[in-house]
N, C-alpha and C. Protein backbone atom coordinates (compact mmCIF):
# COMPACT_ATOMS: atom_id res chain seq x y z
N UNK A 1 248.34 -95.88 11.10
CA UNK A 1 248.93 -94.53 10.75
C UNK A 1 250.55 -94.50 11.28
N UNK A 2 251.18 -94.04 10.58
CA UNK A 2 252.91 -94.06 11.00
C UNK A 2 252.85 -92.88 12.19
N UNK A 3 253.92 -93.54 12.89
CA UNK A 3 254.39 -92.62 14.14
C UNK A 3 255.76 -91.68 13.61
N UNK A 4 255.44 -90.27 13.96
CA UNK A 4 256.76 -89.77 13.56
C UNK A 4 257.55 -89.23 14.66
N UNK A 5 258.84 -89.50 14.41
CA UNK A 5 259.69 -88.98 15.64
C UNK A 5 260.63 -88.27 15.02
N UNK A 6 261.23 -87.04 15.96
CA UNK A 6 262.09 -86.03 15.71
C UNK A 6 263.14 -86.42 16.57
N UNK A 7 264.41 -86.34 15.77
CA UNK A 7 265.61 -86.43 16.63
C UNK A 7 266.52 -85.34 16.70
N UNK A 8 266.83 -84.86 17.88
CA UNK A 8 267.43 -83.57 17.92
C UNK A 8 269.01 -83.86 18.34
N UNK A 9 269.56 -84.20 17.19
CA UNK A 9 271.19 -84.44 17.15
C UNK A 9 271.76 -83.34 17.18
N UNK A 10 271.20 -82.32 16.34
CA UNK A 10 271.96 -81.16 15.88
C UNK A 10 272.20 -79.83 17.10
N UNK A 11 271.37 -80.35 18.16
CA UNK A 11 271.57 -79.26 19.26
C UNK A 11 272.82 -79.57 20.15
N UNK A 12 273.70 -78.51 20.29
CA UNK A 12 274.84 -78.80 21.00
C UNK A 12 274.96 -77.74 22.04
N UNK A 13 275.99 -77.80 22.85
CA UNK A 13 276.25 -76.97 23.89
C UNK A 13 276.91 -75.78 23.01
N UNK A 14 277.00 -74.67 23.95
CA UNK A 14 277.73 -73.79 23.49
C UNK A 14 279.20 -73.94 23.19
N UNK A 15 279.70 -73.23 22.51
CA UNK A 15 281.04 -73.72 21.94
C UNK A 15 281.87 -72.28 22.13
N UNK A 16 282.72 -72.23 23.17
CA UNK A 16 283.53 -71.07 23.24
C UNK A 16 284.90 -71.47 23.99
N UNK A 17 285.80 -70.27 24.03
CA UNK A 17 287.17 -70.49 24.51
C UNK A 17 286.95 -69.81 25.77
N UNK A 18 287.68 -69.98 26.80
CA UNK A 18 287.72 -69.50 28.05
C UNK A 18 289.06 -69.26 28.45
N UNK A 19 289.49 -67.93 28.93
CA UNK A 19 290.85 -67.63 29.22
C UNK A 19 290.86 -66.96 30.44
N UNK A 20 291.52 -67.82 31.66
CA UNK A 20 291.58 -67.11 33.07
C UNK A 20 292.70 -66.27 32.93
N UNK A 21 292.68 -64.97 33.62
CA UNK A 21 293.60 -63.90 33.67
C UNK A 21 293.78 -63.59 35.35
N UNK A 22 294.79 -63.45 35.52
CA UNK A 22 295.35 -63.37 36.75
C UNK A 22 295.83 -61.71 36.85
N UNK A 23 295.28 -60.84 37.46
CA UNK A 23 295.67 -59.37 37.20
C UNK A 23 294.99 -58.56 38.59
N UNK A 24 296.11 -57.56 39.03
CA UNK A 24 295.40 -57.03 40.05
C UNK A 24 294.82 -55.41 39.62
N UNK A 25 294.45 -55.43 38.24
CA UNK A 25 294.13 -54.10 37.83
C UNK A 25 292.71 -53.93 37.96
N UNK A 26 292.22 -52.82 37.83
CA UNK A 26 290.65 -52.71 37.99
C UNK A 26 290.10 -53.09 36.57
N UNK A 27 288.98 -53.36 36.41
CA UNK A 27 288.43 -53.98 35.35
C UNK A 27 288.56 -53.10 34.01
N UNK A 28 288.14 -51.60 34.16
CA UNK A 28 288.26 -50.74 33.16
C UNK A 28 289.82 -50.69 32.82
N UNK A 29 290.58 -50.65 33.58
CA UNK A 29 292.26 -50.63 33.15
C UNK A 29 292.39 -51.67 32.47
N UNK A 30 292.08 -52.81 32.85
CA UNK A 30 292.31 -54.14 32.04
C UNK A 30 291.76 -54.18 30.79
N UNK A 31 290.69 -53.62 30.71
CA UNK A 31 290.11 -53.61 29.29
C UNK A 31 290.74 -52.74 28.30
N UNK A 32 291.18 -51.33 28.86
CA UNK A 32 292.08 -50.77 28.16
C UNK A 32 293.40 -51.16 27.48
N UNK A 33 294.08 -52.20 28.58
CA UNK A 33 295.21 -52.75 28.19
C UNK A 33 294.92 -53.84 27.20
N UNK A 34 293.82 -54.43 27.18
CA UNK A 34 293.65 -55.54 26.48
C UNK A 34 293.28 -54.61 24.80
N UNK A 35 292.59 -53.57 24.86
CA UNK A 35 292.47 -52.64 23.69
C UNK A 35 293.60 -52.21 23.04
N UNK A 36 294.57 -51.99 23.99
CA UNK A 36 296.08 -51.44 23.44
C UNK A 36 296.84 -52.40 22.96
N UNK A 37 296.99 -53.53 23.90
CA UNK A 37 297.94 -54.52 23.25
C UNK A 37 297.56 -55.66 22.34
N UNK A 38 296.33 -56.08 22.62
CA UNK A 38 295.85 -57.07 21.82
C UNK A 38 294.85 -56.59 20.53
N UNK A 39 294.68 -55.38 20.48
CA UNK A 39 293.91 -54.72 19.51
C UNK A 39 292.38 -55.30 19.40
N UNK A 40 291.96 -55.24 20.53
CA UNK A 40 290.51 -55.38 20.59
C UNK A 40 289.79 -53.99 20.90
N UNK A 41 288.41 -54.02 21.09
CA UNK A 41 287.75 -52.81 21.05
C UNK A 41 286.66 -53.09 22.26
N UNK A 42 287.13 -53.67 23.38
CA UNK A 42 286.11 -53.97 24.36
C UNK A 42 285.59 -52.46 24.84
N UNK A 43 284.40 -52.52 25.19
CA UNK A 43 283.34 -51.32 25.55
C UNK A 43 282.39 -51.97 26.82
N UNK A 44 282.37 -51.36 27.74
CA UNK A 44 281.37 -51.55 29.12
C UNK A 44 280.17 -51.68 28.73
N UNK A 45 279.39 -52.93 28.91
CA UNK A 45 278.01 -52.79 28.56
C UNK A 45 277.21 -52.17 29.63
N UNK A 46 275.91 -51.64 29.25
CA UNK A 46 275.22 -50.76 30.38
C UNK A 46 274.64 -51.80 31.42
N UNK A 47 274.45 -53.03 31.22
CA UNK A 47 274.08 -53.98 32.32
C UNK A 47 275.04 -54.85 32.64
N UNK A 48 275.35 -55.05 33.99
CA UNK A 48 276.36 -55.81 34.36
C UNK A 48 275.60 -57.32 34.59
N UNK A 49 276.52 -58.08 34.89
CA UNK A 49 275.99 -59.56 35.25
C UNK A 49 275.52 -59.60 36.77
N UNK A 50 274.52 -59.79 36.94
CA UNK A 50 273.82 -59.90 38.08
C UNK A 50 273.41 -61.13 38.84
N UNK A 51 273.87 -61.55 39.94
CA UNK A 51 273.34 -62.85 40.68
C UNK A 51 272.98 -62.50 41.93
N UNK A 52 271.73 -63.09 42.27
CA UNK A 52 271.16 -63.18 43.64
C UNK A 52 271.65 -64.40 44.31
N UNK A 53 272.44 -64.11 45.59
CA UNK A 53 272.95 -65.08 46.26
C UNK A 53 271.77 -65.13 47.55
N UNK A 54 272.24 -66.04 48.56
CA UNK A 54 271.31 -66.39 49.74
C UNK A 54 271.12 -64.92 50.45
N UNK A 55 272.11 -64.06 50.79
CA UNK A 55 271.94 -62.89 51.43
C UNK A 55 272.29 -61.66 50.70
N UNK A 56 272.97 -61.78 49.45
CA UNK A 56 273.45 -60.72 48.83
C UNK A 56 273.22 -60.74 47.41
N UNK A 57 273.30 -59.56 46.71
CA UNK A 57 273.15 -59.45 45.15
C UNK A 57 274.52 -59.11 44.89
N UNK A 58 274.92 -59.79 43.77
CA UNK A 58 276.30 -59.22 43.41
C UNK A 58 276.32 -59.05 41.63
N UNK A 59 276.85 -58.13 41.47
CA UNK A 59 277.16 -57.51 40.07
C UNK A 59 278.71 -57.60 39.49
N UNK A 60 278.74 -58.39 38.75
CA UNK A 60 279.94 -58.33 37.68
C UNK A 60 280.15 -57.64 36.68
N UNK A 61 281.27 -56.82 36.58
CA UNK A 61 281.35 -56.17 35.31
C UNK A 61 281.66 -56.93 34.09
N UNK A 62 281.00 -56.39 33.02
CA UNK A 62 281.05 -57.12 31.65
C UNK A 62 281.40 -55.91 30.62
N UNK A 63 282.45 -56.41 29.62
CA UNK A 63 283.01 -55.59 28.69
C UNK A 63 282.80 -56.54 27.68
N UNK A 64 282.55 -56.02 26.27
CA UNK A 64 282.29 -56.97 25.05
C UNK A 64 282.83 -56.21 23.95
N UNK A 65 283.10 -56.98 23.14
CA UNK A 65 283.59 -56.57 21.64
C UNK A 65 283.06 -57.51 20.78
N UNK A 66 282.42 -57.07 19.38
CA UNK A 66 282.03 -57.98 18.51
C UNK A 66 282.66 -57.63 17.31
N UNK A 67 283.54 -58.54 16.91
CA UNK A 67 284.39 -58.41 15.68
C UNK A 67 283.51 -59.05 14.22
N UNK A 68 283.09 -58.11 13.73
CA UNK A 68 282.26 -58.41 12.67
C UNK A 68 283.00 -58.77 11.22
N UNK A 69 284.40 -58.75 11.36
CA UNK A 69 285.12 -59.06 10.29
C UNK A 69 285.50 -60.60 10.32
N UNK A 70 285.84 -60.96 11.74
CA UNK A 70 286.26 -62.34 11.88
C UNK A 70 285.18 -63.15 12.41
N UNK A 71 283.87 -62.65 12.69
CA UNK A 71 282.73 -63.16 13.47
C UNK A 71 283.02 -63.72 14.81
N UNK A 72 284.01 -62.74 15.59
CA UNK A 72 284.28 -63.45 17.00
C UNK A 72 283.58 -62.52 17.88
N UNK A 73 283.13 -62.96 19.14
CA UNK A 73 282.71 -62.07 20.02
C UNK A 73 283.40 -62.26 21.35
N UNK A 74 284.14 -61.27 21.93
CA UNK A 74 285.12 -61.20 23.35
C UNK A 74 284.35 -60.72 24.43
N UNK A 75 284.38 -61.51 25.39
CA UNK A 75 283.64 -60.93 26.57
C UNK A 75 284.61 -61.00 27.72
N UNK A 76 284.89 -59.94 28.54
CA UNK A 76 285.63 -59.81 29.55
C UNK A 76 284.89 -59.78 30.63
N UNK A 77 285.09 -60.71 31.76
CA UNK A 77 284.07 -60.95 32.81
C UNK A 77 284.91 -60.86 34.14
N UNK A 78 284.54 -60.03 35.14
CA UNK A 78 285.22 -60.11 36.41
C UNK A 78 284.69 -61.11 37.21
N UNK A 79 285.43 -61.84 37.96
CA UNK A 79 285.25 -62.98 38.60
C UNK A 79 284.75 -62.78 40.04
N UNK A 80 285.45 -61.67 40.63
CA UNK A 80 285.21 -61.50 42.23
C UNK A 80 284.25 -60.00 42.06
N UNK A 81 283.40 -60.14 43.39
CA UNK A 81 282.47 -59.06 43.73
C UNK A 81 282.68 -59.02 45.06
N UNK A 82 283.10 -57.89 45.80
CA UNK A 82 283.30 -57.66 47.18
C UNK A 82 282.48 -56.61 47.57
N UNK A 83 281.81 -56.95 48.52
CA UNK A 83 280.86 -55.86 49.35
C UNK A 83 280.89 -55.87 50.73
N UNK A 84 280.56 -54.63 51.31
CA UNK A 84 280.83 -54.60 52.97
C UNK A 84 279.83 -54.87 53.47
N UNK A 85 279.75 -55.51 54.42
CA UNK A 85 278.50 -55.93 55.20
C UNK A 85 278.27 -54.98 56.19
N UNK A 86 276.96 -54.78 56.41
CA UNK A 86 276.49 -53.63 57.57
C UNK A 86 276.52 -54.47 58.92
N UNK A 87 277.17 -53.75 59.90
CA UNK A 87 277.10 -54.29 61.30
C UNK A 87 275.88 -54.21 61.88
N UNK A 88 275.27 -55.07 62.58
CA UNK A 88 273.94 -54.91 63.31
C UNK A 88 274.23 -54.43 64.80
N UNK A 89 275.29 -54.53 65.22
CA UNK A 89 275.56 -53.86 66.70
C UNK A 89 275.88 -52.35 66.58
N UNK A 90 275.37 -51.83 67.48
CA UNK A 90 275.87 -50.33 67.44
C UNK A 90 276.86 -50.08 68.09
N UNK A 91 277.50 -48.93 67.53
CA UNK A 91 278.77 -48.49 68.24
C UNK A 91 278.65 -47.74 69.57
N UNK A 92 279.57 -48.18 70.65
CA UNK A 92 279.63 -47.49 71.77
C UNK A 92 280.45 -46.49 71.62
N UNK A 93 279.95 -45.01 72.10
CA UNK A 93 280.89 -44.11 72.12
C UNK A 93 281.28 -43.82 73.67
N UNK A 94 282.73 -43.39 73.72
CA UNK A 94 283.22 -43.37 74.82
C UNK A 94 284.81 -43.38 74.83
N UNK A 95 285.38 -43.37 75.88
CA UNK A 95 286.89 -43.40 76.00
C UNK A 95 287.26 -44.88 75.85
N UNK A 96 286.57 -45.94 76.39
CA UNK A 96 287.21 -47.47 76.10
C UNK A 96 286.19 -48.03 75.03
N UNK A 97 285.47 -47.55 74.17
CA UNK A 97 284.62 -48.22 73.32
C UNK A 97 285.65 -48.87 72.30
N UNK A 98 285.14 -50.00 71.76
CA UNK A 98 285.73 -50.88 70.99
C UNK A 98 285.39 -50.24 69.67
N UNK A 99 286.39 -50.44 68.49
CA UNK A 99 286.37 -49.93 67.33
C UNK A 99 285.52 -50.69 66.56
N UNK A 100 284.82 -50.50 65.78
CA UNK A 100 283.94 -51.52 64.83
C UNK A 100 284.82 -51.85 63.54
N UNK A 101 285.17 -53.08 63.35
CA UNK A 101 285.64 -53.56 62.27
C UNK A 101 284.88 -53.72 60.96
N UNK A 102 285.46 -53.28 59.96
CA UNK A 102 284.80 -53.44 58.57
C UNK A 102 284.69 -54.86 58.16
N UNK A 103 283.67 -55.42 57.90
CA UNK A 103 283.44 -56.84 57.37
C UNK A 103 283.14 -56.91 55.95
N UNK A 104 283.77 -57.70 55.22
CA UNK A 104 283.33 -57.94 53.84
C UNK A 104 283.14 -59.15 53.40
N UNK A 105 282.41 -59.23 52.44
CA UNK A 105 281.89 -60.69 51.96
C UNK A 105 282.34 -60.91 50.45
N UNK A 106 283.12 -61.76 50.06
CA UNK A 106 283.36 -62.02 48.46
C UNK A 106 282.65 -62.99 47.92
N UNK A 107 282.06 -62.65 46.62
CA UNK A 107 281.33 -63.74 45.84
C UNK A 107 281.87 -63.88 44.56
N UNK A 108 282.11 -64.99 44.09
CA UNK A 108 282.54 -65.33 42.73
C UNK A 108 281.72 -65.76 41.74
N UNK A 109 282.03 -65.42 40.60
CA UNK A 109 281.30 -65.73 39.19
C UNK A 109 281.48 -67.41 39.03
N UNK A 110 282.68 -67.90 39.13
CA UNK A 110 283.06 -69.09 39.04
C UNK A 110 283.71 -69.33 40.36
N UNK A 111 283.03 -70.22 41.35
CA UNK A 111 283.65 -70.29 42.59
C UNK A 111 284.88 -71.37 42.77
N UNK A 112 284.65 -72.31 41.68
CA UNK A 112 285.83 -73.26 41.63
C UNK A 112 287.21 -72.66 41.30
N UNK A 113 287.14 -71.49 40.74
CA UNK A 113 288.30 -70.72 40.24
C UNK A 113 288.52 -69.46 41.06
N UNK A 114 288.55 -69.57 42.45
CA UNK A 114 288.60 -68.24 43.03
C UNK A 114 290.06 -67.59 42.98
N UNK A 115 290.96 -68.24 42.73
CA UNK A 115 292.35 -67.23 42.47
C UNK A 115 291.92 -66.34 41.14
N UNK A 116 291.41 -66.82 40.32
CA UNK A 116 291.25 -65.94 39.13
C UNK A 116 290.44 -64.74 39.06
N UNK A 117 291.00 -63.58 38.51
CA UNK A 117 290.65 -62.25 38.90
C UNK A 117 289.45 -61.80 37.41
N UNK A 118 289.84 -62.52 36.28
CA UNK A 118 289.18 -62.09 35.16
C UNK A 118 289.13 -63.45 34.30
N UNK A 119 287.93 -63.41 33.58
CA UNK A 119 287.66 -64.28 32.29
C UNK A 119 287.67 -63.61 31.12
N UNK A 120 288.12 -64.18 30.24
CA UNK A 120 288.04 -63.63 28.81
C UNK A 120 287.36 -64.85 27.83
N UNK A 121 286.04 -64.44 27.44
CA UNK A 121 285.27 -65.57 26.80
C UNK A 121 285.25 -65.26 25.32
N UNK A 122 285.64 -66.06 24.62
CA UNK A 122 285.66 -65.83 23.08
C UNK A 122 284.82 -66.90 22.50
N UNK A 123 283.79 -66.38 21.69
CA UNK A 123 282.85 -67.12 21.18
C UNK A 123 283.15 -66.93 19.40
N UNK A 124 283.97 -67.98 18.75
CA UNK A 124 284.33 -67.85 17.39
C UNK A 124 283.23 -68.65 16.69
N UNK A 125 283.01 -67.89 15.53
CA UNK A 125 282.06 -68.64 14.27
C UNK A 125 282.90 -69.44 13.50
N UNK A 126 283.99 -69.23 13.34
CA UNK A 126 285.12 -69.79 12.54
C UNK A 126 285.99 -70.94 13.27
N UNK A 127 286.46 -71.77 12.64
CA UNK A 127 287.67 -72.55 13.15
C UNK A 127 289.09 -72.00 13.14
N UNK A 128 289.34 -70.67 12.45
CA UNK A 128 290.54 -70.23 12.29
C UNK A 128 291.16 -69.44 13.73
N UNK A 129 290.21 -69.41 14.77
CA UNK A 129 290.79 -68.58 15.93
C UNK A 129 291.38 -69.54 16.87
N UNK A 130 292.57 -69.17 17.41
CA UNK A 130 293.58 -69.77 18.22
C UNK A 130 293.47 -69.15 19.44
N UNK A 131 293.19 -69.89 20.45
CA UNK A 131 293.19 -69.40 21.81
C UNK A 131 294.62 -69.45 22.42
N UNK A 132 295.61 -70.29 21.95
CA UNK A 132 296.75 -70.26 22.31
C UNK A 132 297.88 -68.83 21.90
N UNK A 133 297.38 -68.30 20.50
CA UNK A 133 298.11 -67.32 20.34
C UNK A 133 297.66 -65.91 20.83
N UNK A 134 296.43 -66.07 21.12
CA UNK A 134 295.73 -64.98 22.22
C UNK A 134 296.13 -64.65 23.53
N UNK A 135 296.54 -66.09 24.22
CA UNK A 135 297.17 -66.36 25.30
C UNK A 135 298.59 -65.77 25.40
N UNK A 136 299.18 -65.98 24.36
CA UNK A 136 300.59 -65.39 24.36
C UNK A 136 300.44 -64.05 24.30
N UNK A 137 299.67 -63.53 23.53
CA UNK A 137 299.59 -61.82 23.22
C UNK A 137 299.31 -61.28 24.70
N UNK A 138 298.37 -62.03 25.49
CA UNK A 138 297.91 -61.43 26.79
C UNK A 138 299.28 -61.43 27.87
N UNK A 139 299.92 -62.43 27.75
CA UNK A 139 301.24 -62.42 28.44
C UNK A 139 302.25 -61.23 28.24
N UNK A 140 301.96 -60.59 27.07
CA UNK A 140 303.05 -59.62 26.83
C UNK A 140 302.43 -58.28 27.55
N UNK A 141 301.21 -58.17 28.18
CA UNK A 141 300.93 -57.10 28.77
C UNK A 141 301.79 -57.01 30.21
N UNK A 142 302.18 -56.05 30.47
CA UNK A 142 303.00 -56.05 32.00
C UNK A 142 302.20 -56.10 33.10
N UNK A 143 301.12 -55.74 33.02
CA UNK A 143 300.23 -55.78 34.38
C UNK A 143 299.66 -57.26 34.47
N UNK A 144 299.55 -57.98 33.51
CA UNK A 144 299.00 -59.40 33.73
C UNK A 144 300.10 -60.23 34.17
N UNK A 145 299.80 -60.87 35.40
CA UNK A 145 300.54 -61.71 36.18
C UNK A 145 300.70 -63.19 35.12
N UNK A 146 299.53 -63.53 35.00
CA UNK A 146 299.63 -65.17 34.01
C UNK A 146 298.16 -65.19 33.43
N UNK A 147 298.11 -65.77 32.38
CA UNK A 147 296.78 -66.06 31.55
C UNK A 147 297.11 -67.36 31.05
N UNK A 148 295.95 -68.27 31.16
CA UNK A 148 295.85 -69.49 30.65
C UNK A 148 294.28 -70.02 29.95
N UNK A 149 294.27 -71.08 29.24
CA UNK A 149 293.14 -71.36 28.74
C UNK A 149 292.33 -72.47 29.91
N UNK A 150 291.05 -72.45 30.19
CA UNK A 150 290.50 -73.11 31.02
C UNK A 150 289.52 -73.98 30.27
N UNK A 151 289.48 -75.27 30.50
CA UNK A 151 288.38 -76.26 29.89
C UNK A 151 287.03 -75.77 30.72
N UNK A 152 286.06 -75.12 30.02
CA UNK A 152 284.85 -74.82 30.68
C UNK A 152 284.04 -76.03 31.05
N UNK A 153 284.05 -77.09 30.06
CA UNK A 153 283.37 -78.43 30.17
C UNK A 153 283.52 -78.89 31.47
N UNK A 154 284.66 -78.90 32.41
CA UNK A 154 284.71 -79.51 33.69
C UNK A 154 284.45 -78.54 34.75
N UNK A 155 283.91 -77.38 34.54
CA UNK A 155 283.29 -76.51 35.70
C UNK A 155 282.02 -76.86 35.83
N UNK A 156 281.58 -76.89 37.31
CA UNK A 156 280.33 -77.14 37.75
C UNK A 156 279.32 -76.03 37.36
N UNK A 157 279.79 -74.61 37.26
CA UNK A 157 279.10 -73.43 37.54
C UNK A 157 279.34 -72.81 36.20
N UNK A 158 279.37 -73.55 35.13
CA UNK A 158 279.69 -73.09 33.75
C UNK A 158 278.33 -72.45 33.32
N UNK A 159 277.19 -72.57 33.76
CA UNK A 159 276.17 -71.93 33.31
C UNK A 159 276.01 -70.34 33.60
N UNK A 160 276.91 -69.97 34.58
CA UNK A 160 277.03 -68.68 34.99
C UNK A 160 277.78 -67.96 33.83
N UNK A 161 278.16 -68.40 33.00
CA UNK A 161 279.03 -67.87 31.89
C UNK A 161 278.01 -67.65 30.74
N UNK A 162 276.72 -68.08 31.10
CA UNK A 162 275.70 -67.87 29.79
C UNK A 162 274.93 -66.56 30.16
N UNK A 163 275.11 -65.59 29.75
CA UNK A 163 274.68 -64.15 30.15
C UNK A 163 273.65 -63.48 29.19
N UNK A 164 273.47 -64.01 27.88
CA UNK A 164 272.93 -63.29 27.03
C UNK A 164 271.44 -63.89 26.55
């Protein structure tokens, strides 16, 4: 009896382009700017990207747009999540009481790139898409400090970019 073997050479990793954006705007304002200047139609998803860390859970904003004519999917992801840590010591009241300081903890979607504020992930079905032309359009937006293409294959936490 012959032995049959199945070869899985056709399975590939996800193929997408990743653009890092440095910007001090809130996520909804950046999405509005991208819709206005780059002619996208990003909308906020009902479910954010949620991760459970050791002591905290983090929620990163997600905006998406499916371009049905060019077969592209654009996803705008926040990279930083800041939350306030509740202090376990009770405040002493009185004249010489010490003020409580607010303590915050910051979690990152991609910890290797802590300086990046947002990521724009583009999943293109065709080879006609150019991430360089999109990056040059992003740099025309006045509120964006800088934007550049990131090689996602070199990232240790690239699995955090898989959210569907």
